[in-house]
Amino acid sequence: MKHLKLELRHWTQADAMELTSLCNAVDRRFLSDRLPNPYTEKDAEEWLKTVSENEAVTGIYRAIVYDRKLIGSISVEKKDDDAEIGYMILNDYSNKGIGTEAVK
């Protein structure tokens, strides 16, 4: 398998504009209804604030960066006595093993 140029990095407030673009471009058929549509920069700023407050407390939240481009998001969130993995990836990067690699 080709070595993927994949990075999972912490989100920062500086990601608000890119996150907004990502959330408006991603295929919503496979996402939860909790993602606003359309997704505004204010939505991004609020979510990034929530992420910074909850990182390593109730979840782990990462930006998926491939070849230095933000292409998705992945998180593991505590749910009662269990955990839930959620992720989204731009369509152009789907079915390339990126999601599988990110989960690892």
N, C-alpha and C. Protein backbone atom coordinates (compact mmCIF):
# COMPACT_ATOMS: atom_id res chain seq x y z
N MET A 1 0.84 -1.18 0.00
CA MET A 1 0.00 0.00 0.00
C MET A 1 0.89 1.26 0.00
N LYS A 2 0.49 2.22 -0.76
CA LYS A 2 1.22 3.49 -0.83
C LYS A 2 1.19 4.17 0.54
N HIS A 3 2.32 4.75 0.94
CA HIS A 3 2.39 5.47 2.20
C HIS A 3 1.55 6.75 2.09
N LEU A 4 0.59 6.89 2.98
CA LEU A 4 -0.28 8.06 2.97
C LEU A 4 0.39 9.24 3.66
N LYS A 5 0.25 10.40 3.10
CA LYS A 5 0.77 11.63 3.70
C LYS A 5 -0.32 12.20 4.59
N LEU A 6 -0.59 11.51 5.68
CA LEU A 6 -1.71 11.80 6.55
C LEU A 6 -1.24 12.35 7.89
N GLU A 7 -1.93 13.36 8.36
CA GLU A 7 -1.65 13.94 9.68
C GLU A 7 -2.97 14.13 10.40
N LEU A 8 -3.00 13.75 11.66
CA LEU A 8 -4.14 14.06 12.53
C LEU A 8 -3.63 15.10 13.51
N ARG A 9 -4.20 16.28 13.45
CA ARG A 9 -3.70 17.34 14.31
C ARG A 9 -4.83 17.97 15.11
N HIS A 10 -4.44 18.61 16.20
CA HIS A 10 -5.42 19.30 17.04
C HIS A 10 -6.05 20.45 16.25
N TRP A 11 -7.32 20.68 16.52
CA TRP A 11 -8.02 21.83 15.96
C TRP A 11 -7.60 23.09 16.70
N THR A 12 -7.60 24.23 16.00
CA THR A 12 -7.37 25.52 16.62
C THR A 12 -8.44 26.49 16.14
N GLN A 13 -8.59 27.59 16.83
CA GLN A 13 -9.56 28.62 16.41
C GLN A 13 -9.22 29.14 15.02
N ALA A 14 -7.96 29.10 14.63
CA ALA A 14 -7.56 29.57 13.31
C ALA A 14 -8.12 28.70 12.17
N ASP A 15 -8.69 27.54 12.51
CA ASP A 15 -9.26 26.63 11.50
C ASP A 15 -10.70 26.96 11.15
N ALA A 16 -11.29 27.99 11.73
CA ALA A 16 -12.72 28.26 11.57
C ALA A 16 -13.15 28.37 10.10
N MET A 17 -12.42 29.12 9.31
CA MET A 17 -12.83 29.29 7.90
C MET A 17 -12.71 27.99 7.11
N GLU A 18 -11.61 27.27 7.31
CA GLU A 18 -11.44 25.99 6.61
C GLU A 18 -12.48 24.97 7.06
N LEU A 19 -12.79 24.96 8.36
CA LEU A 19 -13.81 24.05 8.88
C LEU A 19 -15.17 24.38 8.28
N THR A 20 -15.48 25.65 8.15
CA THR A 20 -16.74 26.07 7.54
C THR A 20 -16.83 25.54 6.11
N SER A 21 -15.78 25.73 5.34
CA SER A 21 -15.76 25.23 3.96
C SER A 21 -15.91 23.72 3.91
N LEU A 22 -15.18 23.03 4.78
CA LEU A 22 -15.24 21.57 4.84
C LEU A 22 -16.67 21.10 5.11
N CYS A 23 -17.29 21.66 6.13
CA CYS A 23 -18.63 21.22 6.53
C CYS A 23 -19.69 21.52 5.47
N ASN A 24 -19.47 22.53 4.67
CA ASN A 24 -20.42 22.84 3.60
C ASN A 24 -20.16 22.03 2.34
N ALA A 25 -18.98 21.43 2.22
CA ALA A 25 -18.62 20.67 1.02
C ALA A 25 -18.78 19.16 1.19
N VAL A 26 -18.80 18.67 2.42
CA VAL A 26 -18.82 17.24 2.67
C VAL A 26 -20.20 16.65 2.33
N ASP A 27 -20.21 15.37 1.94
CA ASP A 27 -21.45 14.66 1.63
C ASP A 27 -22.21 14.41 2.93
N ARG A 28 -23.34 15.03 3.08
CA ARG A 28 -24.11 14.97 4.33
C ARG A 28 -24.95 13.70 4.49
N ARG A 29 -25.05 12.87 3.49
CA ARG A 29 -25.87 11.67 3.59
C ARG A 29 -25.43 10.75 4.71
N PHE A 30 -24.15 10.83 5.07
CA PHE A 30 -23.60 9.90 6.05
C PHE A 30 -23.29 10.56 7.39
N LEU A 31 -23.74 11.80 7.57
CA LEU A 31 -23.44 12.55 8.79
C LEU A 31 -24.66 12.65 9.70
N SER A 32 -24.41 12.91 10.97
CA SER A 32 -25.52 13.09 11.91
C SER A 32 -26.22 14.41 11.61
N ASP A 33 -27.44 14.51 12.09
CA ASP A 33 -28.24 15.72 11.88
C ASP A 33 -27.77 16.89 12.74
N ARG A 34 -26.81 16.66 13.62
CA ARG A 34 -26.38 17.75 14.50
C ARG A 34 -25.48 18.76 13.80
N LEU A 35 -25.05 18.46 12.58
CA LEU A 35 -24.23 19.39 11.81
C LEU A 35 -25.15 20.36 11.08
N PRO A 36 -25.12 21.65 11.46
CA PRO A 36 -26.01 22.63 10.83
C PRO A 36 -25.79 22.72 9.32
N ASN A 37 -26.86 23.04 8.61
CA ASN A 37 -26.79 23.19 7.16
C ASN A 37 -27.62 24.39 6.74
N PRO A 38 -27.02 25.45 6.22
CA PRO A 38 -25.59 25.59 5.94
C PRO A 38 -24.80 25.78 7.23
N TYR A 39 -23.54 25.47 7.15
CA TYR A 39 -22.62 25.58 8.29
C TYR A 39 -21.92 26.93 8.18
N THR A 40 -22.07 27.75 9.22
CA THR A 40 -21.52 29.10 9.19
C THR A 40 -20.20 29.18 9.95
N GLU A 41 -19.49 30.28 9.75
CA GLU A 41 -18.25 30.48 10.49
C GLU A 41 -18.54 30.58 11.99
N LYS A 42 -19.69 31.11 12.36
CA LYS A 42 -20.08 31.16 13.77
C LYS A 42 -20.26 29.74 14.32
N ASP A 43 -20.87 28.85 13.54
CA ASP A 43 -20.99 27.43 13.94
C ASP A 43 -19.61 26.84 14.18
N ALA A 44 -18.68 27.12 13.27
CA ALA A 44 -17.32 26.60 13.39
C ALA A 44 -16.64 27.13 14.65
N GLU A 45 -16.76 28.42 14.89
CA GLU A 45 -16.14 29.02 16.08
C GLU A 45 -16.69 28.42 17.37
N GLU A 46 -18.01 28.19 17.41
CA GLU A 46 -18.63 27.58 18.59
C GLU A 46 -18.15 26.15 18.78
N TRP A 47 -18.10 25.38 17.67
CA TRP A 47 -17.65 23.99 17.78
C TRP A 47 -16.20 23.92 18.21
N LEU A 48 -15.35 24.78 17.64
CA LEU A 48 -13.93 24.78 18.01
C LEU A 48 -13.75 25.16 19.47
N LYS A 49 -14.58 26.04 19.99
CA LYS A 49 -14.53 26.38 21.42
C LYS A 49 -14.91 25.16 22.26
N THR A 50 -15.96 24.47 21.85
CA THR A 50 -16.40 23.26 22.55
C THR A 50 -15.30 22.20 22.53
N VAL A 51 -14.66 22.04 21.38
CA VAL A 51 -13.56 21.08 21.25
C VAL A 51 -12.43 21.42 22.21
N SER A 52 -12.04 22.69 22.27
CA SER A 52 -10.93 23.08 23.15
C SER A 52 -11.27 22.85 24.62
N GLU A 53 -12.54 23.00 24.98
CA GLU A 53 -12.97 22.78 26.37
C GLU A 53 -13.08 21.30 26.72
N ASN A 54 -13.36 20.47 25.72
CA ASN A 54 -13.63 19.05 25.98
C ASN A 54 -12.52 18.10 25.56
N GLU A 55 -11.48 18.61 24.91
CA GLU A 55 -10.37 17.77 24.46
C GLU A 55 -9.80 17.00 25.64
N ALA A 56 -9.75 15.68 25.50
CA ALA A 56 -9.23 14.75 26.50
C ALA A 56 -10.08 14.70 27.77
N VAL A 57 -11.22 15.36 27.77
CA VAL A 57 -12.15 15.28 28.91
C VAL A 57 -13.31 14.36 28.53
N THR A 58 -14.03 14.73 27.46
CA THR A 58 -15.14 13.90 26.98
C THR A 58 -14.88 13.34 25.58
N GLY A 59 -13.72 13.71 25.01
CA GLY A 59 -13.44 13.22 23.67
C GLY A 59 -12.07 13.59 23.18
N ILE A 60 -11.78 13.07 21.99
CA ILE A 60 -10.55 13.39 21.27
C ILE A 60 -11.00 13.87 19.89
N TYR A 61 -10.53 15.02 19.47
CA TYR A 61 -10.99 15.65 18.24
C TYR A 61 -9.78 16.02 17.40
N ARG A 62 -9.77 15.60 16.15
CA ARG A 62 -8.63 15.88 15.29
C ARG A 62 -9.07 16.31 13.89
N ALA A 63 -8.29 17.20 13.31
CA ALA A 63 -8.43 17.55 11.91
C ALA A 63 -7.68 16.50 11.11
N ILE A 64 -8.25 16.07 9.99
CA ILE A 64 -7.58 15.14 9.10
C ILE A 64 -6.94 15.98 7.99
N VAL A 65 -5.62 15.92 7.93
CA VAL A 65 -4.86 16.69 6.95
C VAL A 65 -4.14 15.69 6.04
N TYR A 66 -4.32 15.84 4.75
CA TYR A 66 -3.70 14.96 3.76
C TYR A 66 -2.93 15.83 2.77
N ASP A 67 -1.67 15.56 2.61
CA ASP A 67 -0.82 16.38 1.74
C ASP A 67 -0.97 17.87 2.08
N ARG A 68 -0.97 18.18 3.36
CA ARG A 68 -1.06 19.54 3.90
C ARG A 68 -2.38 20.24 3.65
N LYS A 69 -3.42 19.50 3.27
CA LYS A 69 -4.74 20.08 3.03
C LYS A 69 -5.74 19.49 4.02
N LEU A 70 -6.52 20.36 4.65
CA LEU A 70 -7.57 19.90 5.57
C LEU A 70 -8.66 19.24 4.75
N ILE A 71 -8.86 17.94 4.97
CA ILE A 71 -9.84 17.19 4.17
C ILE A 71 -10.93 16.54 5.01
N GLY A 72 -10.81 16.64 6.35
CA GLY A 72 -11.82 15.99 7.15
C GLY A 72 -11.63 16.20 8.64
N SER A 73 -12.45 15.49 9.37
CA SER A 73 -12.45 15.56 10.83
C SER A 73 -12.73 14.17 11.39
N ILE A 74 -12.12 13.87 12.52
CA ILE A 74 -12.38 12.60 13.20
C ILE A 74 -12.42 12.86 14.70
N SER A 75 -13.32 12.16 15.37
CA SER A 75 -13.41 12.31 16.83
C SER A 75 -13.82 10.99 17.46
N VAL A 76 -13.45 10.86 18.71
CA VAL A 76 -13.93 9.78 19.57
C VAL A 76 -14.54 10.49 20.77
N GLU A 77 -15.84 10.27 20.97
CA GLU A 77 -16.54 10.95 22.05
C GLU A 77 -17.14 9.94 23.03
N LYS A 78 -17.01 10.26 24.30
CA LYS A 78 -17.58 9.42 25.35
C LYS A 78 -19.10 9.52 25.31
N LYS A 79 -19.75 8.38 25.35
CA LYS A 79 -21.20 8.28 25.38
C LYS A 79 -21.59 7.31 26.49
N ASP A 80 -22.04 7.83 27.63
CA ASP A 80 -22.37 7.01 28.80
C ASP A 80 -21.22 6.05 29.12
N ASP A 81 -21.45 4.73 28.97
CA ASP A 81 -20.42 3.74 29.27
C ASP A 81 -19.70 3.25 28.01
N ASP A 82 -19.80 4.01 26.95
CA ASP A 82 -19.27 3.60 25.66
C ASP A 82 -18.58 4.80 25.00
N ALA A 83 -18.13 4.61 23.79
CA ALA A 83 -17.54 5.70 23.01
C ALA A 83 -18.03 5.59 21.58
N GLU A 84 -18.02 6.72 20.88
CA GLU A 84 -18.48 6.76 19.49
C GLU A 84 -17.43 7.44 18.63
N ILE A 85 -17.08 6.78 17.53
CA ILE A 85 -16.16 7.38 16.56
C ILE A 85 -17.00 8.04 15.48
N GLY A 86 -16.65 9.26 15.17
CA GLY A 86 -17.31 9.97 14.09
C GLY A 86 -16.26 10.58 13.18
N TYR A 87 -16.51 10.56 11.88
CA TYR A 87 -15.57 11.21 10.99
C TYR A 87 -16.28 11.66 9.72
N MET A 88 -15.66 12.61 9.05
CA MET A 88 -16.14 13.05 7.74
C MET A 88 -14.91 13.37 6.90
N ILE A 89 -15.03 13.04 5.62
CA ILE A 89 -13.93 13.26 4.67
C ILE A 89 -14.54 13.77 3.37
N LEU A 90 -13.88 14.74 2.77
CA LEU A 90 -14.34 15.25 1.48
C LEU A 90 -14.44 14.12 0.46
N ASN A 91 -15.44 14.19 -0.40
CA ASN A 91 -15.68 13.13 -1.39
C ASN A 91 -14.46 12.79 -2.23
N ASP A 92 -13.69 13.79 -2.63
CA ASP A 92 -12.51 13.54 -3.47
C ASP A 92 -11.48 12.65 -2.79
N TYR A 93 -11.59 12.49 -1.47
CA TYR A 93 -10.62 11.70 -0.71
C TYR A 93 -11.23 10.43 -0.14
N SER A 94 -12.48 10.18 -0.46
CA SER A 94 -13.15 8.95 0.00
C SER A 94 -12.61 7.74 -0.74
N ASN A 95 -12.74 6.58 -0.10
CA ASN A 95 -12.35 5.30 -0.70
C ASN A 95 -10.87 5.23 -1.07
N LYS A 96 -10.03 5.91 -0.30
CA LYS A 96 -8.59 5.87 -0.53
C LYS A 96 -7.86 5.33 0.68
N GLY A 97 -8.60 4.84 1.68
CA GLY A 97 -7.99 4.29 2.88
C GLY A 97 -7.66 5.34 3.94
N ILE A 98 -8.00 6.58 3.70
CA ILE A 98 -7.67 7.66 4.63
C ILE A 98 -8.47 7.52 5.93
N GLY A 99 -9.75 7.25 5.83
CA GLY A 99 -10.58 7.07 7.02
C GLY A 99 -10.10 5.89 7.85
N THR A 100 -9.79 4.79 7.20
CA THR A 100 -9.29 3.61 7.88
C THR A 100 -7.98 3.92 8.61
N GLU A 101 -7.09 4.61 7.92
CA GLU A 101 -5.81 4.97 8.52
C GLU A 101 -6.01 5.93 9.70
N ALA A 102 -6.93 6.87 9.58
CA ALA A 102 -7.20 7.83 10.64
C ALA A 102 -7.75 7.14 11.90
N VAL A 103 -8.59 6.14 11.71
CA VAL A 103 -9.15 5.41 12.85
C VAL A 103 -8.07 4.64 13.59
N LYS A 104 -7.09 4.11 12.85
CA LYS A 104 -6.00 3.38 13.50
C LYS A 104 -5.28 4.26 14.46
